[in-house]
Amino acid sequence: MKFLRIVNDKSKRLVFKKEELKKNALFLLKYNLAACKTWWWNPLDTRLSSKVKIKNYCILSGRARGVLRDFKLSRIFLRKLGAKGFISGLKKKTW
């Protein structure tokens, strides 16, 4: 189940990355007054390539909550791997 979520999220990211350049080009053409009359329609299906549909999942556990963007790990796995010394530059904070 968790593996399926990670695979689905990865495919959504790939579709978004592929369609992002087309979206930006159409956005610029939309506000260009010279080309406005010929490009008034949007040929892309924006439902499949929406940035909103992308959700951050932990790459190890598939957990959706408490995921740190820099490491793409959940807070639980970040703490475990940091305590074992697998993440360079990460130290346990003690008072």
PDB file of N, CA and C in Angstrom:
ATOM      1  N   MET A   1       0.829  -1.199   0.000  1.00  0.00           N
ATOM      2  CA  MET A   1       0.000   0.000   0.000  1.00  0.00           C
ATOM      3  C   MET A   1       0.868   1.255   0.000  1.00  0.00           C
ATOM      4  N   LYS A   2       1.896   1.297   0.886  1.00  0.00           N
ATOM      5  CA  LYS A   2       2.763   2.460   0.945  1.00  0.00           C
ATOM      6  C   LYS A   2       3.584   2.592  -0.323  1.00  0.00           C
ATOM      7  N   PHE A   3       4.021   1.453  -0.864  1.00  0.00           N
ATOM      8  CA  PHE A   3       4.811   1.478  -2.091  1.00  0.00           C
ATOM      9  C   PHE A   3       4.001   2.040  -3.241  1.00  0.00           C
ATOM     10  N   LEU A   4       2.721   1.717  -3.287  1.00  0.00           N
ATOM     11  CA  LEU A   4       1.843   2.206  -4.352  1.00  0.00           C
ATOM     12  C   LEU A   4       1.691   3.726  -4.283  1.00  0.00           C
ATOM     13  N   ARG A   5       1.612   4.263  -3.062  1.00  0.00           N
ATOM     14  CA  ARG A   5       1.512   5.717  -2.902  1.00  0.00           C
ATOM     15  C   ARG A   5       2.759   6.417  -3.426  1.00  0.00           C
ATOM     16  N   ILE A   6       3.914   5.829  -3.139  1.00  0.00           N
ATOM     17  CA  ILE A   6       5.173   6.435  -3.581  1.00  0.00           C
ATOM     18  C   ILE A   6       5.272   6.404  -5.102  1.00  0.00           C
ATOM     19  N   VAL A   7       4.858   5.292  -5.711  1.00  0.00           N
ATOM     20  CA  VAL A   7       4.908   5.169  -7.170  1.00  0.00           C
ATOM     21  C   VAL A   7       3.943   6.156  -7.828  1.00  0.00           C
ATOM     22  N   ASN A   8       2.739   6.280  -7.288  1.00  0.00           N
ATOM     23  CA  ASN A   8       1.760   7.218  -7.841  1.00  0.00           C
ATOM     24  C   ASN A   8       2.258   8.658  -7.739  1.00  0.00           C
ATOM     25  N   ASP A   9       2.862   9.000  -6.600  1.00  0.00           N
ATOM     26  CA  ASP A   9       3.378  10.344  -6.420  1.00  0.00           C
ATOM     27  C   ASP A   9       4.521  10.617  -7.393  1.00  0.00           C
ATOM     28  N   LYS A  10       5.365   9.631  -7.620  1.00  0.00           N
ATOM     29  CA  LYS A  10       6.480   9.800  -8.551  1.00  0.00           C
ATOM     30  C   LYS A  10       5.975  10.028  -9.978  1.00  0.00           C
ATOM     31  N   SER A  11       4.936   9.294 -10.367  1.00  0.00           N
ATOM     32  CA  SER A  11       4.389   9.486 -11.723  1.00  0.00           C
ATOM     33  C   SER A  11       3.747  10.862 -11.863  1.00  0.00           C
ATOM     34  N   LYS A  12       3.103  11.358 -10.811  1.00  0.00           N
ATOM     35  CA  LYS A  12       2.523  12.702 -10.858  1.00  0.00           C
ATOM     36  C   LYS A  12       3.609  13.758 -11.003  1.00  0.00           C
ATOM     37  N   ARG A  13       4.734  13.557 -10.315  1.00  0.00           N
ATOM     38  CA  ARG A  13       5.847  14.496 -10.424  1.00  0.00           C
ATOM     39  C   ARG A  13       6.430  14.514 -11.837  1.00  0.00           C
ATOM     40  N   LEU A  14       6.529  13.339 -12.459  1.00  0.00           N
ATOM     41  CA  LEU A  14       7.063  13.271 -13.817  1.00  0.00           C
ATOM     42  C   LEU A  14       6.141  13.963 -14.818  1.00  0.00           C
ATOM     43  N   VAL A  15       4.831  13.766 -14.673  1.00  0.00           N
ATOM     44  CA  VAL A  15       3.872  14.416 -15.574  1.00  0.00           C
ATOM     45  C   VAL A  15       3.933  15.925 -15.392  1.00  0.00           C
ATOM     46  N   PHE A  16       4.021  16.382 -14.148  1.00  0.00           N
ATOM     47  CA  PHE A  16       4.101  17.823 -13.891  1.00  0.00           C
ATOM     48  C   PHE A  16       5.363  18.411 -14.501  1.00  0.00           C
ATOM     49  N   LYS A  17       6.488  17.719 -14.332  1.00  0.00           N
ATOM     50  CA  LYS A  17       7.754  18.220 -14.868  1.00  0.00           C
ATOM     51  C   LYS A  17       7.711  18.312 -16.394  1.00  0.00           C
ATOM     52  N   LYS A  18       7.064  17.333 -17.016  1.00  0.00           N
ATOM     53  CA  LYS A  18       6.977  17.317 -18.478  1.00  0.00           C
ATOM     54  C   LYS A  18       6.092  18.443 -19.009  1.00  0.00           C
ATOM     55  N   GLU A  19       5.014  18.735 -18.327  1.00  0.00           N
ATOM     56  CA  GLU A  19       4.049  19.716 -18.800  1.00  0.00           C
ATOM     57  C   GLU A  19       4.333  21.132 -18.317  1.00  0.00           C
ATOM     58  N   GLU A  20       5.292  21.293 -17.407  1.00  0.00           N
ATOM     59  CA  GLU A  20       5.543  22.614 -16.832  1.00  0.00           C
ATOM     60  C   GLU A  20       6.030  23.615 -17.878  1.00  0.00           C
ATOM     61  N   LEU A  21       6.910  23.196 -18.758  1.00  0.00           N
ATOM     62  CA  LEU A  21       7.429  24.097 -19.781  1.00  0.00           C
ATOM     63  C   LEU A  21       6.319  24.561 -20.727  1.00  0.00           C
ATOM     64  N   LYS A  22       5.430  23.650 -21.099  1.00  0.00           N
ATOM     65  CA  LYS A  22       4.315  24.023 -21.976  1.00  0.00           C
ATOM     66  C   LYS A  22       3.380  25.015 -21.286  1.00  0.00           C
ATOM     67  N   LYS A  23       3.144  24.785 -19.994  1.00  0.00           N
ATOM     68  CA  LYS A  23       2.266  25.690 -19.252  1.00  0.00           C
ATOM     69  C   LYS A  23       2.854  27.094 -19.183  1.00  0.00           C
ATOM     70  N   ASN A  24       4.152  27.176 -18.930  1.00  0.00           N
ATOM     71  CA  ASN A  24       4.793  28.486 -18.845  1.00  0.00           C
ATOM     72  C   ASN A  24       4.761  29.208 -20.184  1.00  0.00           C
ATOM     73  N   ALA A  25       4.978  28.480 -21.272  1.00  0.00           N
ATOM     74  CA  ALA A  25       4.944  29.090 -22.603  1.00  0.00           C
ATOM     75  C   ALA A  25       3.534  29.607 -22.919  1.00  0.00           C
ATOM     76  N   LEU A  26       2.526  28.820 -22.587  1.00  0.00           N
ATOM     77  CA  LEU A  26       1.153  29.260 -22.849  1.00  0.00           C
ATOM     78  C   LEU A  26       0.757  30.442 -21.968  1.00  0.00           C
ATOM     79  N   PHE A  27       1.276  30.473 -20.755  1.00  0.00           N
ATOM     80  CA  PHE A  27       0.986  31.588 -19.856  1.00  0.00           C
ATOM     81  C   PHE A  27       1.551  32.888 -20.426  1.00  0.00           C
ATOM     82  N   LEU A  28       2.787  32.815 -20.966  1.00  0.00           N
ATOM     83  CA  LEU A  28       3.382  34.009 -21.562  1.00  0.00           C
ATOM     84  C   LEU A  28       2.649  34.433 -22.833  1.00  0.00           C
ATOM     85  N   LEU A  29       2.211  33.460 -23.620  1.00  0.00           N
ATOM     86  CA  LEU A  29       1.465  33.790 -24.834  1.00  0.00           C
ATOM     87  C   LEU A  29       0.091  34.388 -24.524  1.00  0.00           C
ATOM     88  N   LYS A  30      -0.462  33.982 -23.414  1.00  0.00           N
ATOM     89  CA  LYS A  30      -1.783  34.463 -23.036  1.00  0.00           C
ATOM     90  C   LYS A  30      -1.775  35.972 -22.799  1.00  0.00           C
ATOM     91  N   TYR A  31      -0.685  36.474 -22.223  1.00  0.00           N
ATOM     92  CA  TYR A  31      -0.608  37.899 -21.914  1.00  0.00           C
ATOM     93  C   TYR A  31       0.150  38.704 -22.963  1.00  0.00           C
ATOM     94  N   ASN A  32       0.557  38.057 -24.044  1.00  0.00           N
ATOM     95  CA  ASN A  32       1.164  38.772 -25.150  1.00  0.00           C
ATOM     96  C   ASN A  32       0.036  39.249 -26.072  1.00  0.00           C
ATOM     97  N   LEU A  33      -0.106  40.528 -26.239  1.00  0.00           N
ATOM     98  CA  LEU A  33      -1.246  41.073 -26.990  1.00  0.00           C
ATOM     99  C   LEU A  33      -1.181  40.747 -28.471  1.00  0.00           C
ATOM    100  N   ALA A  34       0.013  40.597 -29.024  1.00  0.00           N
ATOM    101  CA  ALA A  34       0.134  40.299 -30.448  1.00  0.00           C
ATOM    102  C   ALA A  34      -0.325  38.878 -30.758  1.00  0.00           C
ATOM    103  N   ALA A  35      -0.030  37.952 -29.885  1.00  0.00           N
ATOM    104  CA  ALA A  35      -0.377  36.556 -30.131  1.00  0.00           C
ATOM    105  C   ALA A  35      -1.665  36.145 -29.439  1.00  0.00           C
ATOM    106  N   CYS A  36      -2.305  37.071 -28.790  1.00  0.00           N
ATOM    107  CA  CYS A  36      -3.499  36.761 -28.000  1.00  0.00           C
ATOM    108  C   CYS A  36      -4.645  36.238 -28.853  1.00  0.00           C
ATOM    109  N   LYS A  37      -4.790  36.739 -30.080  1.00  0.00           N
ATOM    110  CA  LYS A  37      -5.926  36.349 -30.912  1.00  0.00           C
ATOM    111  C   LYS A  37      -5.803  34.927 -31.442  1.00  0.00           C
ATOM    112  N   THR A  38      -4.584  34.439 -31.623  1.00  0.00           N
ATOM    113  CA  THR A  38      -4.418  33.099 -32.181  1.00  0.00           C
ATOM    114  C   THR A  38      -4.328  32.016 -31.111  1.00  0.00           C
ATOM    115  N   TRP A  39      -3.844  32.346 -29.921  1.00  0.00           N
ATOM    116  CA  TRP A  39      -3.668  31.339 -28.855  1.00  0.00           C
ATOM    117  C   TRP A  39      -4.635  31.584 -27.704  1.00  0.00           C
ATOM    118  N   TRP A  40      -5.894  31.698 -27.961  1.00  0.00           N
ATOM    119  CA  TRP A  40      -6.861  31.963 -26.893  1.00  0.00           C
ATOM    120  C   TRP A  40      -7.305  30.701 -26.183  1.00  0.00           C
ATOM    121  N   TRP A  41      -6.999  29.544 -26.697  1.00  0.00           N
ATOM    122  CA  TRP A  41      -7.422  28.287 -26.077  1.00  0.00           C
ATOM    123  C   TRP A  41      -6.235  27.598 -25.445  1.00  0.00           C
ATOM    124  N   ASN A  42      -6.509  26.731 -24.478  1.00  0.00           N
ATOM    125  CA  ASN A  42      -5.453  26.033 -23.747  1.00  0.00           C
ATOM    126  C   ASN A  42      -5.507  24.546 -24.110  1.00  0.00           C
ATOM    127  N   PRO A  43      -4.561  24.020 -24.889  1.00  0.00           N
ATOM    128  CA  PRO A  43      -4.631  22.627 -25.336  1.00  0.00           C
ATOM    129  C   PRO A  43      -4.181  21.608 -24.294  1.00  0.00           C
ATOM    130  N   LEU A  44      -3.719  22.034 -23.135  1.00  0.00           N
ATOM    131  CA  LEU A  44      -3.228  21.092 -22.132  1.00  0.00           C
ATOM    132  C   LEU A  44      -4.342  20.647 -21.204  1.00  0.00           C
ATOM    133  N   ASP A  45      -4.247  19.423 -20.741  1.00  0.00           N
ATOM    134  CA  ASP A  45      -5.157  18.941 -19.710  1.00  0.00           C
ATOM    135  C   ASP A  45      -4.513  19.254 -18.368  1.00  0.00           C
ATOM    136  N   THR A  46      -4.947  20.314 -17.728  1.00  0.00           N
ATOM    137  CA  THR A  46      -4.285  20.784 -16.517  1.00  0.00           C
ATOM    138  C   THR A  46      -4.621  19.930 -15.299  1.00  0.00           C
ATOM    139  N   ARG A  47      -5.611  19.086 -15.388  1.00  0.00           N
ATOM    140  CA  ARG A  47      -5.939  18.245 -14.235  1.00  0.00           C
ATOM    141  C   ARG A  47      -4.850  17.214 -13.963  1.00  0.00           C
ATOM    142  N   LEU A  48      -4.204  16.707 -15.002  1.00  0.00           N
ATOM    143  CA  LEU A  48      -3.187  15.684 -14.816  1.00  0.00           C
ATOM    144  C   LEU A  48      -1.844  16.259 -14.413  1.00  0.00           C
ATOM    145  N   SER A  49      -1.573  17.494 -14.762  1.00  0.00           N
ATOM    146  CA  SER A  49      -0.258  18.060 -14.505  1.00  0.00           C
ATOM    147  C   SER A  49      -0.308  19.180 -13.469  1.00  0.00           C
ATOM    148  N   SER A  50      -1.184  19.066 -12.507  1.00  0.00           N
ATOM    149  CA  SER A  50      -1.327  20.096 -11.496  1.00  0.00           C
ATOM    150  C   SER A  50      -0.286  19.938 -10.400  1.00  0.00           C
ATOM    151  N   LYS A  51       0.281  21.056  -9.977  1.00  0.00           N
ATOM    152  CA  LYS A  51       1.272  21.024  -8.897  1.00  0.00           C
ATOM    153  C   LYS A  51       0.603  20.717  -7.549  1.00  0.00           C
ATOM    154  N   VAL A  52      -0.661  21.006  -7.431  1.00  0.00           N
ATOM    155  CA  VAL A  52      -1.381  20.774  -6.192  1.00  0.00           C
ATOM    156  C   VAL A  52      -1.507  19.279  -5.893  1.00  0.00           C
ATOM    157  N   LYS A  53      -1.537  18.453  -6.932  1.00  0.00           N
ATOM    158  CA  LYS A  53      -1.712  17.016  -6.746  1.00  0.00           C
ATOM    159  C   LYS A  53      -0.465  16.330  -6.200  1.00  0.00           C
ATOM    160  N   ILE A  54       0.673  17.006  -6.263  1.00  0.00           N
ATOM    161  CA  ILE A  54       1.916  16.419  -5.772  1.00  0.00           C
ATOM    162  C   ILE A  54       1.949  16.528  -4.254  1.00  0.00           C
ATOM    163  N   LYS A  55       2.181  15.424  -3.587  1.00  0.00           N
ATOM    164  CA  LYS A  55       2.258  15.392  -2.133  1.00  0.00           C
ATOM    165  C   LYS A  55       3.595  14.799  -1.738  1.00  0.00           C
ATOM    166  N   ASN A  56       4.185  15.338  -0.704  1.00  0.00           N
ATOM    167  CA  ASN A  56       5.470  14.826  -0.242  1.00  0.00           C
ATOM    168  C   ASN A  56       5.262  13.570   0.581  1.00  0.00           C
ATOM    169  N   TYR A  57       5.933  12.504   0.187  1.00  0.00           N
ATOM    170  CA  TYR A  57       5.917  11.254   0.926  1.00  0.00           C
ATOM    171  C   TYR A  57       7.337  10.905   1.330  1.00  0.00           C
ATOM    172  N   CYS A  58       7.477  10.227   2.442  1.00  0.00           N
ATOM    173  CA  CYS A  58       8.781   9.735   2.879  1.00  0.00           C
ATOM    174  C   CYS A  58       9.232   8.657   1.901  1.00  0.00           C
ATOM    175  N   ILE A  59      10.498   8.726   1.468  1.00  0.00           N
ATOM    176  CA  ILE A  59      10.972   7.770   0.475  1.00  0.00           C
ATOM    177  C   ILE A  59      11.244   6.399   1.074  1.00  0.00           C
ATOM    178  N   LEU A  60      11.328   6.308   2.394  1.00  0.00           N
ATOM    179  CA  LEU A  60      11.567   5.012   3.025  1.00  0.00           C
ATOM    180  C   LEU A  60      10.292   4.352   3.531  1.00  0.00           C
ATOM    181  N   SER A  61       9.425   5.145   4.149  1.00  0.00           N
ATOM    182  CA  SER A  61       8.246   4.543   4.767  1.00  0.00           C
ATOM    183  C   SER A  61       6.952   4.815   4.027  1.00  0.00           C
ATOM    184  N   GLY A  62       6.908   5.849   3.198  1.00  0.00           N
ATOM    185  CA  GLY A  62       5.677   6.213   2.515  1.00  0.00           C
ATOM    186  C   GLY A  62       4.764   7.066   3.370  1.00  0.00           C
ATOM    187  N   ARG A  63       5.261   7.527   4.493  1.00  0.00           N
ATOM    188  CA  ARG A  63       4.471   8.345   5.404  1.00  0.00           C
ATOM    189  C   ARG A  63       4.228   9.718   4.786  1.00  0.00           C
ATOM    190  N   ALA A  64       3.001  10.237   4.922  1.00  0.00           N
ATOM    191  CA  ALA A  64       2.642  11.499   4.292  1.00  0.00           C
ATOM    192  C   ALA A  64       2.781  12.684   5.241  1.00  0.00           C
ATOM    193  N   ARG A  65       2.764  12.436   6.516  1.00  0.00           N
ATOM    194  CA  ARG A  65       2.823  13.532   7.478  1.00  0.00           C
ATOM    195  C   ARG A  65       4.213  13.660   8.077  1.00  0.00           C
ATOM    196  N   GLY A  66       4.602  14.879   8.378  1.00  0.00           N
ATOM    197  CA  GLY A  66       5.881  15.133   9.019  1.00  0.00           C
ATOM    198  C   GLY A  66       7.070  14.842   8.130  1.00  0.00           C
ATOM    199  N   VAL A  67       6.955  15.161   6.846  1.00  0.00           N
ATOM    200  CA  VAL A  67       8.039  14.904   5.897  1.00  0.00           C
ATOM    201  C   VAL A  67       8.838  16.189   5.712  1.00  0.00           C
ATOM    202  N   LEU A  68      10.143  16.106   5.907  1.00  0.00           N
ATOM    203  CA  LEU A  68      11.024  17.249   5.713  1.00  0.00           C
ATOM    204  C   LEU A  68      11.466  17.294   4.259  1.00  0.00           C
ATOM    205  N   ARG A  69      11.276  18.427   3.618  1.00  0.00           N
ATOM    206  CA  ARG A  69      11.518  18.545   2.184  1.00  0.00           C
ATOM    207  C   ARG A  69      12.981  18.372   1.808  1.00  0.00           C
ATOM    208  N   ASP A  70      13.877  18.865   2.648  1.00  0.00           N
ATOM    209  CA  ASP A  70      15.301  18.814   2.314  1.00  0.00           C
ATOM    210  C   ASP A  70      15.815  17.384   2.205  1.00  0.00           C
ATOM    211  N   PHE A  71      15.316  16.506   3.058  1.00  0.00           N
ATOM    212  CA  PHE A  71      15.806  15.129   3.098  1.00  0.00           C
ATOM    213  C   PHE A  71      14.849  14.135   2.451  1.00  0.00           C
ATOM    214  N   LYS A  72      13.597  14.535   2.211  1.00  0.00           N
ATOM    215  CA  LYS A  72      12.534  13.660   1.710  1.00  0.00           C
ATOM    216  C   LYS A  72      12.327  12.456   2.638  1.00  0.00           C
ATOM    217  N   LEU A  73      12.481  12.706   3.935  1.00  0.00           N
ATOM    218  CA  LEU A  73      12.301  11.677   4.951  1.00  0.00           C
ATOM    219  C   LEU A  73      11.303  12.176   5.984  1.00  0.00           C
ATOM    220  N   SER A  74      10.583  11.241   6.598  1.00  0.00           N
ATOM    221  CA  SER A  74       9.688  11.620   7.676  1.00  0.00           C
ATOM    222  C   SER A  74      10.517  11.916   8.923  1.00  0.00           C
ATOM    223  N   ARG A  75       9.915  12.597   9.854  1.00  0.00           N
ATOM    224  CA  ARG A  75      10.627  12.995  11.062  1.00  0.00           C
ATOM    225  C   ARG A  75      11.118  11.783  11.848  1.00  0.00           C
ATOM    226  N   ILE A  76      10.382  10.692  11.758  1.00  0.00           N
ATOM    227  CA  ILE A  76      10.744   9.480  12.488  1.00  0.00           C
ATOM    228  C   ILE A  76      12.008   8.857  11.905  1.00  0.00           C
ATOM    229  N   PHE A  77      12.039   8.701  10.586  1.00  0.00           N
ATOM    230  CA  PHE A  77      13.206   8.096   9.953  1.00  0.00           C
ATOM    231  C   PHE A  77      14.403   9.038   9.968  1.00  0.00           C
ATOM    232  N   LEU A  78      14.160  10.339   9.924  1.00  0.00           N
ATOM    233  CA  LEU A  78      15.260  11.282  10.021  1.00  0.00           C
ATOM    234  C   LEU A  78      15.942  11.162  11.380  1.00  0.00           C
ATOM    235  N   ARG A  79      15.159  11.004  12.408  1.00  0.00           N
ATOM    236  CA  ARG A  79      15.723  10.863  13.756  1.00  0.00           C
ATOM    237  C   ARG A  79      16.501   9.549  13.898  1.00  0.00           C
ATOM    238  N   LYS A  80      15.942   8.461  13.354  1.00  0.00           N
ATOM    239  CA  LYS A  80      16.631   7.164  13.443  1.00  0.00           C
ATOM    240  C   LYS A  80      17.946   7.178  12.683  1.00  0.00           C
ATOM    241  N   LEU A  81      17.921   7.675  11.443  1.00  0.00           N
ATOM    242  CA  LEU A  81      19.136   7.690  10.631  1.00  0.00           C
ATOM    243  C   LEU A  81      20.157   8.697  11.146  1.00  0.00           C
ATOM    244  N   GLY A  82      19.664   9.805  11.700  1.00  0.00           N
ATOM    245  CA  GLY A  82      20.572  10.796  12.271  1.00  0.00           C
ATOM    246  C   GLY A  82      21.266  10.282  13.517  1.00  0.00           C
ATOM    247  N   ALA A  83      20.561   9.502  14.326  1.00  0.00           N
ATOM    248  CA  ALA A  83      21.156   8.951  15.544  1.00  0.00           C
ATOM    249  C   ALA A  83      22.233   7.908  15.214  1.00  0.00           C
ATOM    250  N   LYS A  84      22.058   7.202  14.098  1.00  0.00           N
ATOM    251  CA  LYS A  84      23.045   6.196  13.696  1.00  0.00           C
ATOM    252  C   LYS A  84      24.220   6.813  12.942  1.00  0.00           C
ATOM    253  N   GLY A  85      24.094   8.092  12.549  1.00  0.00           N
ATOM    254  CA  GLY A  85      25.178   8.781  11.870  1.00  0.00           C
ATOM    255  C   GLY A  85      25.173   8.621  10.367  1.00  0.00           C
ATOM    256  N   PHE A  86      24.055   8.228   9.775  1.00  0.00           N
ATOM    257  CA  PHE A  86      23.982   8.057   8.331  1.00  0.00           C
ATOM    258  C   PHE A  86      23.777   9.367   7.574  1.00  0.00           C
ATOM    259  N   ILE A  87      23.325  10.406   8.265  1.00  0.00           N
ATOM    260  CA  ILE A  87      23.111  11.701   7.629  1.00  0.00           C
ATOM    261  C   ILE A  87      24.223  12.631   8.083  1.00  0.00           C
ATOM    262  N   SER A  88      25.066  13.035   7.150  1.00  0.00           N
ATOM    263  CA  SER A  88      26.219  13.858   7.514  1.00  0.00           C
ATOM    264  C   SER A  88      25.775  15.266   7.878  1.00  0.00           C
ATOM    265  N   GLY A  89      26.396  15.811   8.904  1.00  0.00           N
ATOM    266  CA  GLY A  89      26.093  17.166   9.351  1.00  0.00           C
ATOM    267  C   GLY A  89      24.928  17.254  10.296  1.00  0.00           C
ATOM    268  N   LEU A  90      24.271  16.172  10.595  1.00  0.00           N
ATOM    269  CA  LEU A  90      23.125  16.182  11.495  1.00  0.00           C
ATOM    270  C   LEU A  90      23.558  15.671  12.849  1.00  0.00           C
ATOM    271  N   LYS A  91      23.334  16.476  13.894  1.00  0.00           N
ATOM    272  CA  LYS A  91      23.712  16.103  15.246  1.00  0.00           C
ATOM    273  C   LYS A  91      22.491  16.096  16.133  1.00  0.00           C
ATOM    274  N   LYS A  92      22.556  15.302  17.166  1.00  0.00           N
ATOM    275  CA  LYS A  92      21.489  15.300  18.155  1.00  0.00           C
ATOM    276  C   LYS A  92      21.675  16.501  19.062  1.00  0.00           C
ATOM    277  N   LYS A  93      20.608  17.242  19.260  1.00  0.00           N
ATOM    278  CA  LYS A  93      20.699  18.426  20.096  1.00  0.00           C
ATOM    279  C   LYS A  93      20.435  18.036  21.540  1.00  0.00           C
ATOM    280  N   THR A  94      21.385  18.298  22.393  1.00  0.00           N
ATOM    281  CA  THR A  94      21.215  18.041  23.825  1.00  0.00           C
ATOM    282  C   THR A  94      21.544  19.306  24.594  1.00  0.00           C
ATOM    283  N   TRP A  95      20.949  19.455  25.728  1.00  0.00           N
ATOM    284  CA  TRP A  95      21.164  20.647  26.541  1.00  0.00           C
ATOM    285  C   TRP A  95      22.200  20.377  27.582  1.00  0.00           C
TER     286      TRP A  95
END
